[in-house]
Amino acid sequence: MNLNPKLLAQMRAATRNLMGKSPTAATKKIQDALRNLPGAQMGKHMPQAPAGVQDLLDQLIPGVMSGIDPTRPATTPLPGQFLDDSYTNAAGTRSYKLYIPSSYNGTPMPLVVMLHGCTQNPDDFAAGTRMNQLAEEMHCLVVYPAQSQQANSSRCWNWFNALDQQRDQGEPSIIAGITRKVMSSHAVVDSQVYVAGLSAGGAMATIMGTLYPELYAAVGVHSGLPFASANDLQSALAAMRGDFKRPDIESRGVPIIVFHGDKDNTVHPANGDELVKRGVRHLQGAPVTEPGSVPNGHKYTRIVHHTEEGTPHAEQWLIHGAGHAWSGGHASGSYTDSKGPDASREMMRFFQTRR
C-alpha cells in the first residue's frame, strides 16, 4: 500500500506524542487516522484491515507499546550472524543472543559479555551500544544474556539480592554459565573475555568481575553501582541515591573502565567514584586527569590509574551534562546519548590493553 507521505508523517508524529501513555489510546489514534484511508472498512474493533494497513500497524503500535520511537533511524544490517540460544542450570534458564562477526573462521577471538539495563533486551542493547558493529571492526564475539520478565518484572538484573551476589549462585551462575557455554562452542581466547553493562547490567557486570576474576579479564560499567552496594529493594534505592553499603569482601582489583553522567538522576554519580576507588586501593602513584570534549557534544573528565608497569588499570569517564544513558550510543536503542564520548569504542580500547 502506498501511503500519502503527509499522512505517514502525521501518524508517526501521533505515535511520538503518545509515548508513555496508554497503548489503547495510541491504538485508537492510529485507527482513527486509518479509517480515513480509501478502501478502509474497519469496524469498531477493527476486525479487518485493508491490504498494507496491518503491516503499518505492526510497525507503529509495537513502537508505542515498547516506548521506542518508530521514526528512529535503523542500524545498517551487518554481515555477521546474530543467533538465539539459551542456557539452563539449577538457578534457572536465560535466553541470550550471540553475535558472530563475518571474520570468524574458527580462529580464537576475544569475547565480550554485554548485560542490558532495565526494560531492555539483547536486540535493543545491541542496537543502542553498536557493539556488533565494533565486533565486525575489531574481530570479537559478543554475547547478550537476556533477563527474563519472570525473574524481574522490569527485566532488571537482580544485582541487589544477596543470593545474586554470590559465586555459583543465582544469576551470576547463569551469566557465568552462558559465558562458558559460548567459550566451549566457539573459539575464544580464554584470557580475553570481558564483561560490561548499563545501569542494573553495569551493577551485575561489577558482580561478575568480582566473583569470577579468573573468567573476566576486565569490566566495563556504564551508569552502574559497586559490588554488593545493596541487599534488598530498600537499600537498592538508597544505593542509587549514592548511599551504598560496603561489601563483606573487597574487590580483587579487576581492571575496570567506568562511565557516568554527572547529571544522572537515576544512579548517582557517586557510584562511579566508589567503583573506581575500590578497584585501585592496591595501586601506588597519582592518577592522570585528562579533560576533553566531543565536537558538538559533551565535555568530559577522564581519570586514569596505572599499574607500576604503566598499564591502565582503571579509567573513570565523568561526562558533563549527561544523564542516565549509554554515551555515544545509537538512537535506535533505548537509553542512549549520541553526544558522546563513545563508551563502546573506549571500552573496547581499554579491553584490548589486557592482551
Protein backbone atom coordinates (compact mmCIF):
# COMPACT_ATOMS: atom_id res chain seq x y z
CA MET A 1 0.00 0.00 0.00
CA ASN A 2 1.35 3.44 -0.95
CA LEU A 3 0.63 5.91 1.81
CA ASN A 4 0.47 9.64 1.42
CA PRO A 5 3.80 10.87 2.90
CA LYS A 6 1.98 13.60 4.80
CA LEU A 7 -0.38 11.08 6.38
CA LEU A 8 2.51 8.80 7.29
CA ALA A 9 4.36 11.70 8.91
CA GLN A 10 1.23 12.65 10.87
CA MET A 11 0.80 9.10 12.11
CA ARG A 12 4.40 8.88 13.19
CA ALA A 13 4.08 12.21 14.97
CA ALA A 14 0.98 10.89 16.71
CA THR A 15 2.85 7.85 17.98
CA ARG A 16 5.66 10.03 19.30
CA ASN A 17 3.17 12.20 21.17
CA LEU A 18 1.63 9.12 22.73
CA MET A 19 4.88 7.70 24.07
CA GLY A 20 4.45 6.79 27.71
CA LYS A 21 0.65 6.97 27.52
CA SER A 22 -1.84 4.15 27.29
CA PRO A 23 -1.22 1.75 24.37
CA THR A 24 -5.02 1.66 23.98
CA ALA A 25 -5.08 5.41 23.37
CA ALA A 26 -2.24 5.05 20.88
CA THR A 27 -4.03 2.33 19.00
CA LYS A 28 -7.27 4.35 18.83
CA LYS A 29 -5.43 7.37 17.49
CA ILE A 30 -3.87 5.33 14.71
CA GLN A 31 -7.14 3.61 13.93
CA ASP A 32 -8.93 6.95 13.61
CA ALA A 33 -6.36 8.10 11.08
CA LEU A 34 -6.53 4.85 9.11
CA ARG A 35 -10.31 4.93 8.88
CA ASN A 36 -9.95 7.88 6.52
CA LEU A 37 -7.92 5.85 4.04
CA PRO A 38 -9.63 4.84 0.77
CA GLY A 39 -11.00 1.31 0.96
CA ALA A 40 -10.61 1.07 4.73
CA GLN A 41 -13.55 -0.92 6.07
CA MET A 42 -12.86 -1.04 9.75
CA GLY A 43 -15.44 -1.77 12.35
CA LYS A 44 -15.47 -0.55 15.90
CA HIS A 45 -12.88 -3.14 16.92
CA MET A 46 -11.01 -3.24 13.61
CA PRO A 47 -11.77 -6.89 12.78
CA GLN A 48 -10.31 -6.43 9.30
CA ALA A 49 -7.85 -4.03 7.74
CA PRO A 50 -7.19 -3.33 4.08
CA ALA A 51 -4.06 -4.67 2.45
CA GLY A 52 -0.98 -2.96 3.84
CA VAL A 53 -2.71 -1.31 6.79
CA GLN A 54 -1.98 -4.18 9.18
CA ASP A 55 1.67 -4.08 8.15
CA LEU A 56 1.77 -0.43 9.12
CA LEU A 57 0.09 -1.14 12.44
CA ASP A 58 2.64 -3.88 13.08
CA GLN A 59 5.38 -1.29 12.62
CA LEU A 60 3.88 1.58 14.59
CA ILE A 61 1.99 0.04 17.51
CA PRO A 62 4.88 -2.07 18.90
CA GLY A 63 6.94 1.11 18.94
CA VAL A 64 4.31 2.83 21.08
CA MET A 65 3.96 -0.11 23.43
CA SER A 66 7.70 -0.57 23.92
CA GLY A 67 8.48 3.11 24.28
CA ILE A 68 10.78 3.04 21.24
CA ASP A 69 10.22 5.75 18.66
CA PRO A 70 9.44 4.07 15.30
CA THR A 71 10.98 7.03 13.47
CA ARG A 72 14.40 6.39 14.97
CA PRO A 73 16.94 5.52 12.28
CA ALA A 74 17.57 1.80 11.91
CA THR A 75 21.08 0.41 12.08
CA THR A 76 22.62 -0.92 8.89
CA PRO A 77 22.33 -4.71 8.52
CA LEU A 78 25.58 -6.43 9.45
CA PRO A 79 27.25 -9.32 7.61
CA GLY A 80 27.70 -11.49 10.71
CA GLN A 81 25.25 -13.82 12.44
CA PHE A 82 23.08 -12.82 15.42
CA LEU A 83 21.91 -16.10 16.89
CA ASP A 84 19.40 -17.01 19.62
CA ASP A 85 20.20 -19.60 22.27
CA SER A 86 19.57 -20.33 25.94
CA TYR A 87 21.32 -21.72 28.98
CA THR A 88 19.90 -23.63 31.95
CA ASN A 89 21.35 -24.61 35.31
CA ALA A 90 19.98 -25.17 38.80
CA ALA A 91 19.39 -21.42 39.22
CA GLY A 92 17.15 -21.15 36.17
CA THR A 93 17.08 -20.53 32.42
CA ARG A 94 18.02 -17.43 30.49
CA SER A 95 18.00 -16.84 26.77
CA TYR A 96 20.81 -14.96 25.07
CA LYS A 97 21.90 -13.70 21.67
CA LEU A 98 25.38 -14.21 20.26
CA TYR A 99 26.88 -12.05 17.55
CA ILE A 100 29.42 -13.85 15.39
CA PRO A 101 31.31 -11.44 13.12
CA SER A 102 31.77 -12.27 9.46
CA SER A 103 35.53 -12.63 10.02
CA TYR A 104 35.07 -15.58 12.37
CA ASN A 105 36.68 -18.69 10.86
CA GLY A 106 37.40 -20.83 13.89
CA THR A 107 40.47 -18.90 14.96
CA PRO A 108 40.13 -17.87 18.64
CA MET A 109 38.69 -14.41 19.21
CA PRO A 110 38.02 -12.22 22.26
CA LEU A 111 34.55 -12.44 23.82
CA VAL A 112 32.55 -9.54 25.27
CA VAL A 113 29.58 -10.24 27.56
CA MET A 114 27.05 -7.37 27.43
CA LEU A 115 24.45 -7.03 30.22
CA HIS A 116 21.49 -4.81 29.35
CA GLY A 117 19.68 -2.39 31.66
CA CYS A 118 16.11 -2.47 32.97
CA THR A 119 13.32 -2.77 30.37
CA GLN A 120 15.91 -3.58 27.69
CA ASN A 121 16.63 -6.77 25.76
CA PRO A 122 19.57 -8.03 23.68
CA ASP A 123 18.34 -6.55 20.39
CA ASP A 124 17.68 -3.15 21.94
CA PHE A 125 21.01 -3.14 23.76
CA ALA A 126 22.96 -4.25 20.70
CA ALA A 127 21.34 -1.52 18.60
CA GLY A 128 21.99 1.20 21.18
CA THR A 129 25.58 0.31 22.02
CA ARG A 130 26.55 -0.61 18.44
CA MET A 131 28.75 -3.30 19.89
CA ASN A 132 28.03 -5.64 16.98
CA GLN A 133 29.44 -3.05 14.57
CA LEU A 134 32.58 -2.92 16.70
CA ALA A 135 32.69 -6.72 16.71
CA GLU A 136 32.96 -6.60 12.92
CA GLU A 137 35.68 -3.97 13.09
CA MET A 138 37.69 -5.41 15.98
CA HIS A 139 37.04 -9.11 15.34
CA CYS A 140 35.42 -10.37 18.50
CA LEU A 141 32.35 -12.30 19.63
CA VAL A 142 29.65 -10.53 21.63
CA VAL A 143 27.05 -12.30 23.77
CA TYR A 144 23.98 -10.62 25.26
CA PRO A 145 22.34 -12.54 28.14
CA ALA A 146 18.65 -11.65 28.50
CA GLN A 147 16.96 -11.15 31.84
CA SER A 148 13.54 -12.81 31.97
CA GLN A 149 10.38 -10.98 32.98
CA GLN A 150 9.61 -13.88 35.32
CA ALA A 151 12.81 -13.19 37.26
CA ASN A 152 12.21 -9.43 37.33
CA SER A 153 9.08 -7.72 36.04
CA SER A 154 11.12 -4.83 34.63
CA ARG A 155 13.78 -7.19 33.25
CA CYS A 156 16.39 -5.73 35.60
CA TRP A 157 19.24 -7.96 36.66
CA ASN A 158 18.76 -8.61 40.39
CA TRP A 159 22.04 -7.05 41.48
CA PHE A 160 20.53 -6.05 44.84
CA ASN A 161 19.61 -9.58 46.00
CA ALA A 162 22.04 -11.22 48.44
CA LEU A 163 21.78 -14.56 46.60
CA ASP A 164 22.66 -12.87 43.31
CA GLN A 165 25.88 -11.54 44.80
CA GLN A 166 27.37 -14.97 45.45
CA ARG A 167 29.65 -17.05 43.27
CA ASP A 168 27.96 -20.04 41.64
CA GLN A 169 24.56 -18.94 42.93
CA GLY A 170 21.58 -17.23 41.31
CA GLU A 171 22.06 -15.01 38.29
CA PRO A 172 25.88 -14.84 38.49
CA SER A 173 26.00 -18.60 37.98
CA ILE A 174 23.73 -18.28 34.94
CA ILE A 175 25.75 -15.47 33.35
CA ALA A 176 28.99 -17.32 34.03
CA GLY A 177 27.37 -20.44 32.55
CA ILE A 178 26.40 -18.56 29.38
CA THR A 179 29.96 -17.23 29.13
CA ARG A 180 31.47 -20.70 29.47
CA LYS A 181 28.95 -22.20 27.04
CA VAL A 182 29.99 -19.71 24.34
CA MET A 183 33.64 -20.40 25.15
CA SER A 184 33.08 -24.12 24.67
CA SER A 185 31.01 -23.84 21.48
CA HIS A 186 33.17 -21.23 19.75
CA ALA A 187 36.86 -20.46 19.54
CA VAL A 188 37.56 -17.89 22.25
CA VAL A 189 40.83 -16.57 23.65
CA ASP A 190 40.44 -17.57 27.31
CA SER A 191 42.45 -14.59 28.56
CA GLN A 192 40.40 -12.10 26.55
CA VAL A 193 36.90 -12.44 27.97
CA TYR A 194 35.31 -9.21 29.19
CA VAL A 195 32.01 -8.21 30.78
CA ALA A 196 30.21 -4.87 30.55
CA GLY A 197 26.78 -3.47 31.31
CA LEU A 198 24.48 -0.49 31.72
CA SER A 199 22.71 0.51 34.93
CA ALA A 200 21.41 -2.71 36.53
CA GLY A 201 23.52 -4.54 33.95
CA GLY A 202 26.51 -2.44 34.98
CA ALA A 203 25.94 -3.39 38.61
CA MET A 204 25.77 -7.05 37.58
CA ALA A 205 28.94 -6.68 35.48
CA THR A 206 30.69 -5.49 38.64
CA ILE A 207 29.41 -8.56 40.48
CA MET A 208 30.67 -10.84 37.71
CA GLY A 209 34.13 -9.28 37.70
CA THR A 210 34.35 -9.50 41.48
CA LEU A 211 33.14 -13.10 41.78
CA TYR A 212 34.86 -14.52 38.69
CA PRO A 213 38.22 -12.72 38.29
CA GLU A 214 39.69 -15.80 36.61
CA LEU A 215 36.98 -15.70 33.95
CA TYR A 216 36.78 -11.99 33.08
CA ALA A 217 39.94 -10.06 32.25
CA ALA A 218 38.30 -6.64 32.63
CA VAL A 219 34.97 -4.98 33.43
CA GLY A 220 33.11 -2.10 31.80
CA VAL A 221 30.45 -0.29 33.82
CA HIS A 222 28.16 2.42 32.49
CA SER A 223 25.89 4.21 34.99
CA GLY A 224 26.20 1.25 37.36
CA LEU A 225 26.86 0.53 41.02
CA PRO A 226 29.59 -1.06 43.16
CA PHE A 227 29.62 -4.69 44.19
CA ALA A 228 27.18 -5.58 46.99
CA SER A 229 26.10 -1.96 47.39
CA ALA A 230 22.61 -3.15 48.39
CA ASN A 231 20.97 -6.32 49.70
CA ASP A 232 17.26 -5.59 49.18
CA LEU A 233 14.97 -3.16 47.38
CA GLN A 234 15.11 -0.51 50.09
CA SER A 235 18.90 -0.46 50.20
CA ALA A 236 18.96 -0.58 46.39
CA LEU A 237 17.05 2.69 46.23
CA ALA A 238 19.44 4.18 48.76
CA ALA A 239 22.45 2.98 46.77
CA MET A 240 21.05 4.53 43.62
CA ARG A 241 20.95 7.84 45.53
CA GLY A 242 24.61 7.39 46.47
CA ASP A 243 24.16 5.86 49.92
CA PHE A 244 25.58 2.41 49.29
CA LYS A 245 26.61 -0.41 51.58
CA ARG A 246 30.16 -1.72 51.88
CA PRO A 247 30.66 -5.39 50.99
CA ASP A 248 31.94 -8.07 53.34
CA ILE A 249 34.65 -8.92 50.80
CA GLU A 250 36.86 -6.49 48.95
CA SER A 251 37.27 -6.25 45.20
CA ARG A 252 40.26 -8.15 43.87
CA GLY A 253 41.23 -5.26 41.66
CA VAL A 254 39.98 -6.49 38.28
CA PRO A 255 40.78 -3.86 35.61
CA ILE A 256 37.76 -1.60 35.17
CA ILE A 257 36.54 1.24 32.98
CA VAL A 258 33.64 3.33 34.28
CA PHE A 259 31.35 5.81 32.53
CA HIS A 260 28.86 8.03 34.35
CA GLY A 261 26.99 11.20 33.52
CA ASP A 262 27.26 13.92 36.15
CA LYS A 263 23.55 14.74 35.59
CA ASP A 264 22.39 11.17 36.13
CA ASN A 265 19.24 11.39 38.24
CA THR A 266 18.66 7.63 38.29
CA VAL A 267 22.01 6.34 39.61
CA HIS A 268 24.01 8.97 41.44
CA PRO A 269 27.50 9.64 40.00
CA ALA A 270 28.98 8.89 43.42
CA ASN A 271 28.58 5.24 42.47
CA GLY A 272 31.11 5.68 39.68
CA ASP A 273 33.56 7.28 42.10
CA GLU A 274 33.16 4.37 44.50
CA LEU A 275 33.60 1.77 41.76
CA VAL A 276 36.98 3.17 40.82
CA LYS A 277 38.03 3.80 44.42
CA ARG A 278 37.52 0.15 45.30
CA GLY A 279 39.40 -1.00 42.25
CA VAL A 280 42.60 0.99 42.78
CA ARG A 281 43.28 0.63 46.51
CA HIS A 282 46.27 -1.57 45.81
CA LEU A 283 47.86 0.88 43.34
CA GLN A 284 50.58 3.38 44.08
CA GLY A 285 51.06 6.72 42.39
CA ALA A 286 48.74 9.53 41.44
CA PRO A 287 46.18 9.16 38.66
CA VAL A 288 46.36 11.16 35.44
CA THR A 289 43.46 13.57 34.83
CA GLU A 290 42.64 14.42 31.23
CA PRO A 291 39.82 16.88 30.43
CA GLY A 292 38.35 16.65 26.96
CA SER A 293 35.32 17.29 24.80
CA VAL A 294 33.47 15.81 21.84
CA PRO A 295 32.89 18.18 18.89
CA ASN A 296 29.29 19.39 19.18
CA GLY A 297 28.91 17.01 22.13
CA HIS A 298 29.65 16.60 25.81
CA LYS A 299 32.69 17.68 27.72
CA TYR A 300 34.20 15.05 29.97
CA THR A 301 36.90 14.37 32.53
CA ARG A 302 38.92 11.17 32.14
CA ILE A 303 40.93 9.92 35.10
CA VAL A 304 43.39 7.07 34.51
CA HIS A 305 45.04 4.92 37.17
CA HIS A 306 48.11 2.98 36.01
CA THR A 307 49.92 -0.07 37.33
CA GLU A 308 53.61 0.13 38.19
CA GLU A 309 54.27 -1.21 34.68
CA GLY A 310 52.38 1.71 33.17
CA THR A 311 49.31 -0.24 32.02
CA PRO A 312 45.95 1.48 32.55
CA HIS A 313 44.24 -0.44 35.36
CA ALA A 314 41.22 1.77 35.93
CA GLU A 315 39.63 4.53 33.89
CA GLN A 316 36.86 6.84 35.03
CA TRP A 317 34.96 8.93 32.50
CA LEU A 318 32.76 11.60 34.05
CA ILE A 319 30.57 13.00 31.27
CA HIS A 320 29.48 16.56 31.94
CA GLY A 321 25.82 17.28 31.28
CA ALA A 322 24.93 13.65 30.54
CA GLY A 323 22.14 11.72 32.20
CA HIS A 324 21.30 8.04 32.57
CA ALA A 325 22.13 6.84 29.06
CA TRP A 326 24.83 4.98 27.12
CA SER A 327 27.32 7.60 25.99
CA GLY A 328 27.84 7.75 22.24
CA GLY A 329 25.01 5.28 21.68
CA HIS A 330 22.79 4.99 18.63
CA ALA A 331 19.25 6.37 18.73
CA SER A 332 17.79 3.05 17.54
CA GLY A 333 18.29 1.72 21.07
CA SER A 334 16.83 2.95 24.35
CA TYR A 335 18.77 4.89 26.99
CA THR A 336 21.35 6.32 24.60
CA ASP A 337 23.05 9.69 24.30
CA SER A 338 24.60 10.28 20.89
CA LYS A 339 26.61 13.29 22.07
CA GLY A 340 29.46 11.06 23.20
CA PRO A 341 32.14 10.23 24.08
CA ASP A 342 31.81 6.77 22.50
CA ALA A 343 31.66 4.45 25.52
CA SER A 344 31.56 1.28 23.41
CA ARG A 345 34.70 2.13 21.48
CA GLU A 346 36.54 3.30 24.58
CA MET A 347 35.60 0.12 26.43
CA MET A 348 36.91 -1.99 23.57
CA ARG A 349 40.14 0.03 23.51
CA PHE A 350 40.54 -0.48 27.26
CA PHE A 351 39.81 -4.19 26.94
CA GLN A 352 42.45 -4.53 24.24
CA THR A 353 45.11 -3.25 26.64
CA ARG A 354 44.59 -6.52 28.54
CA ARG A 355 46.04 -8.57 25.68
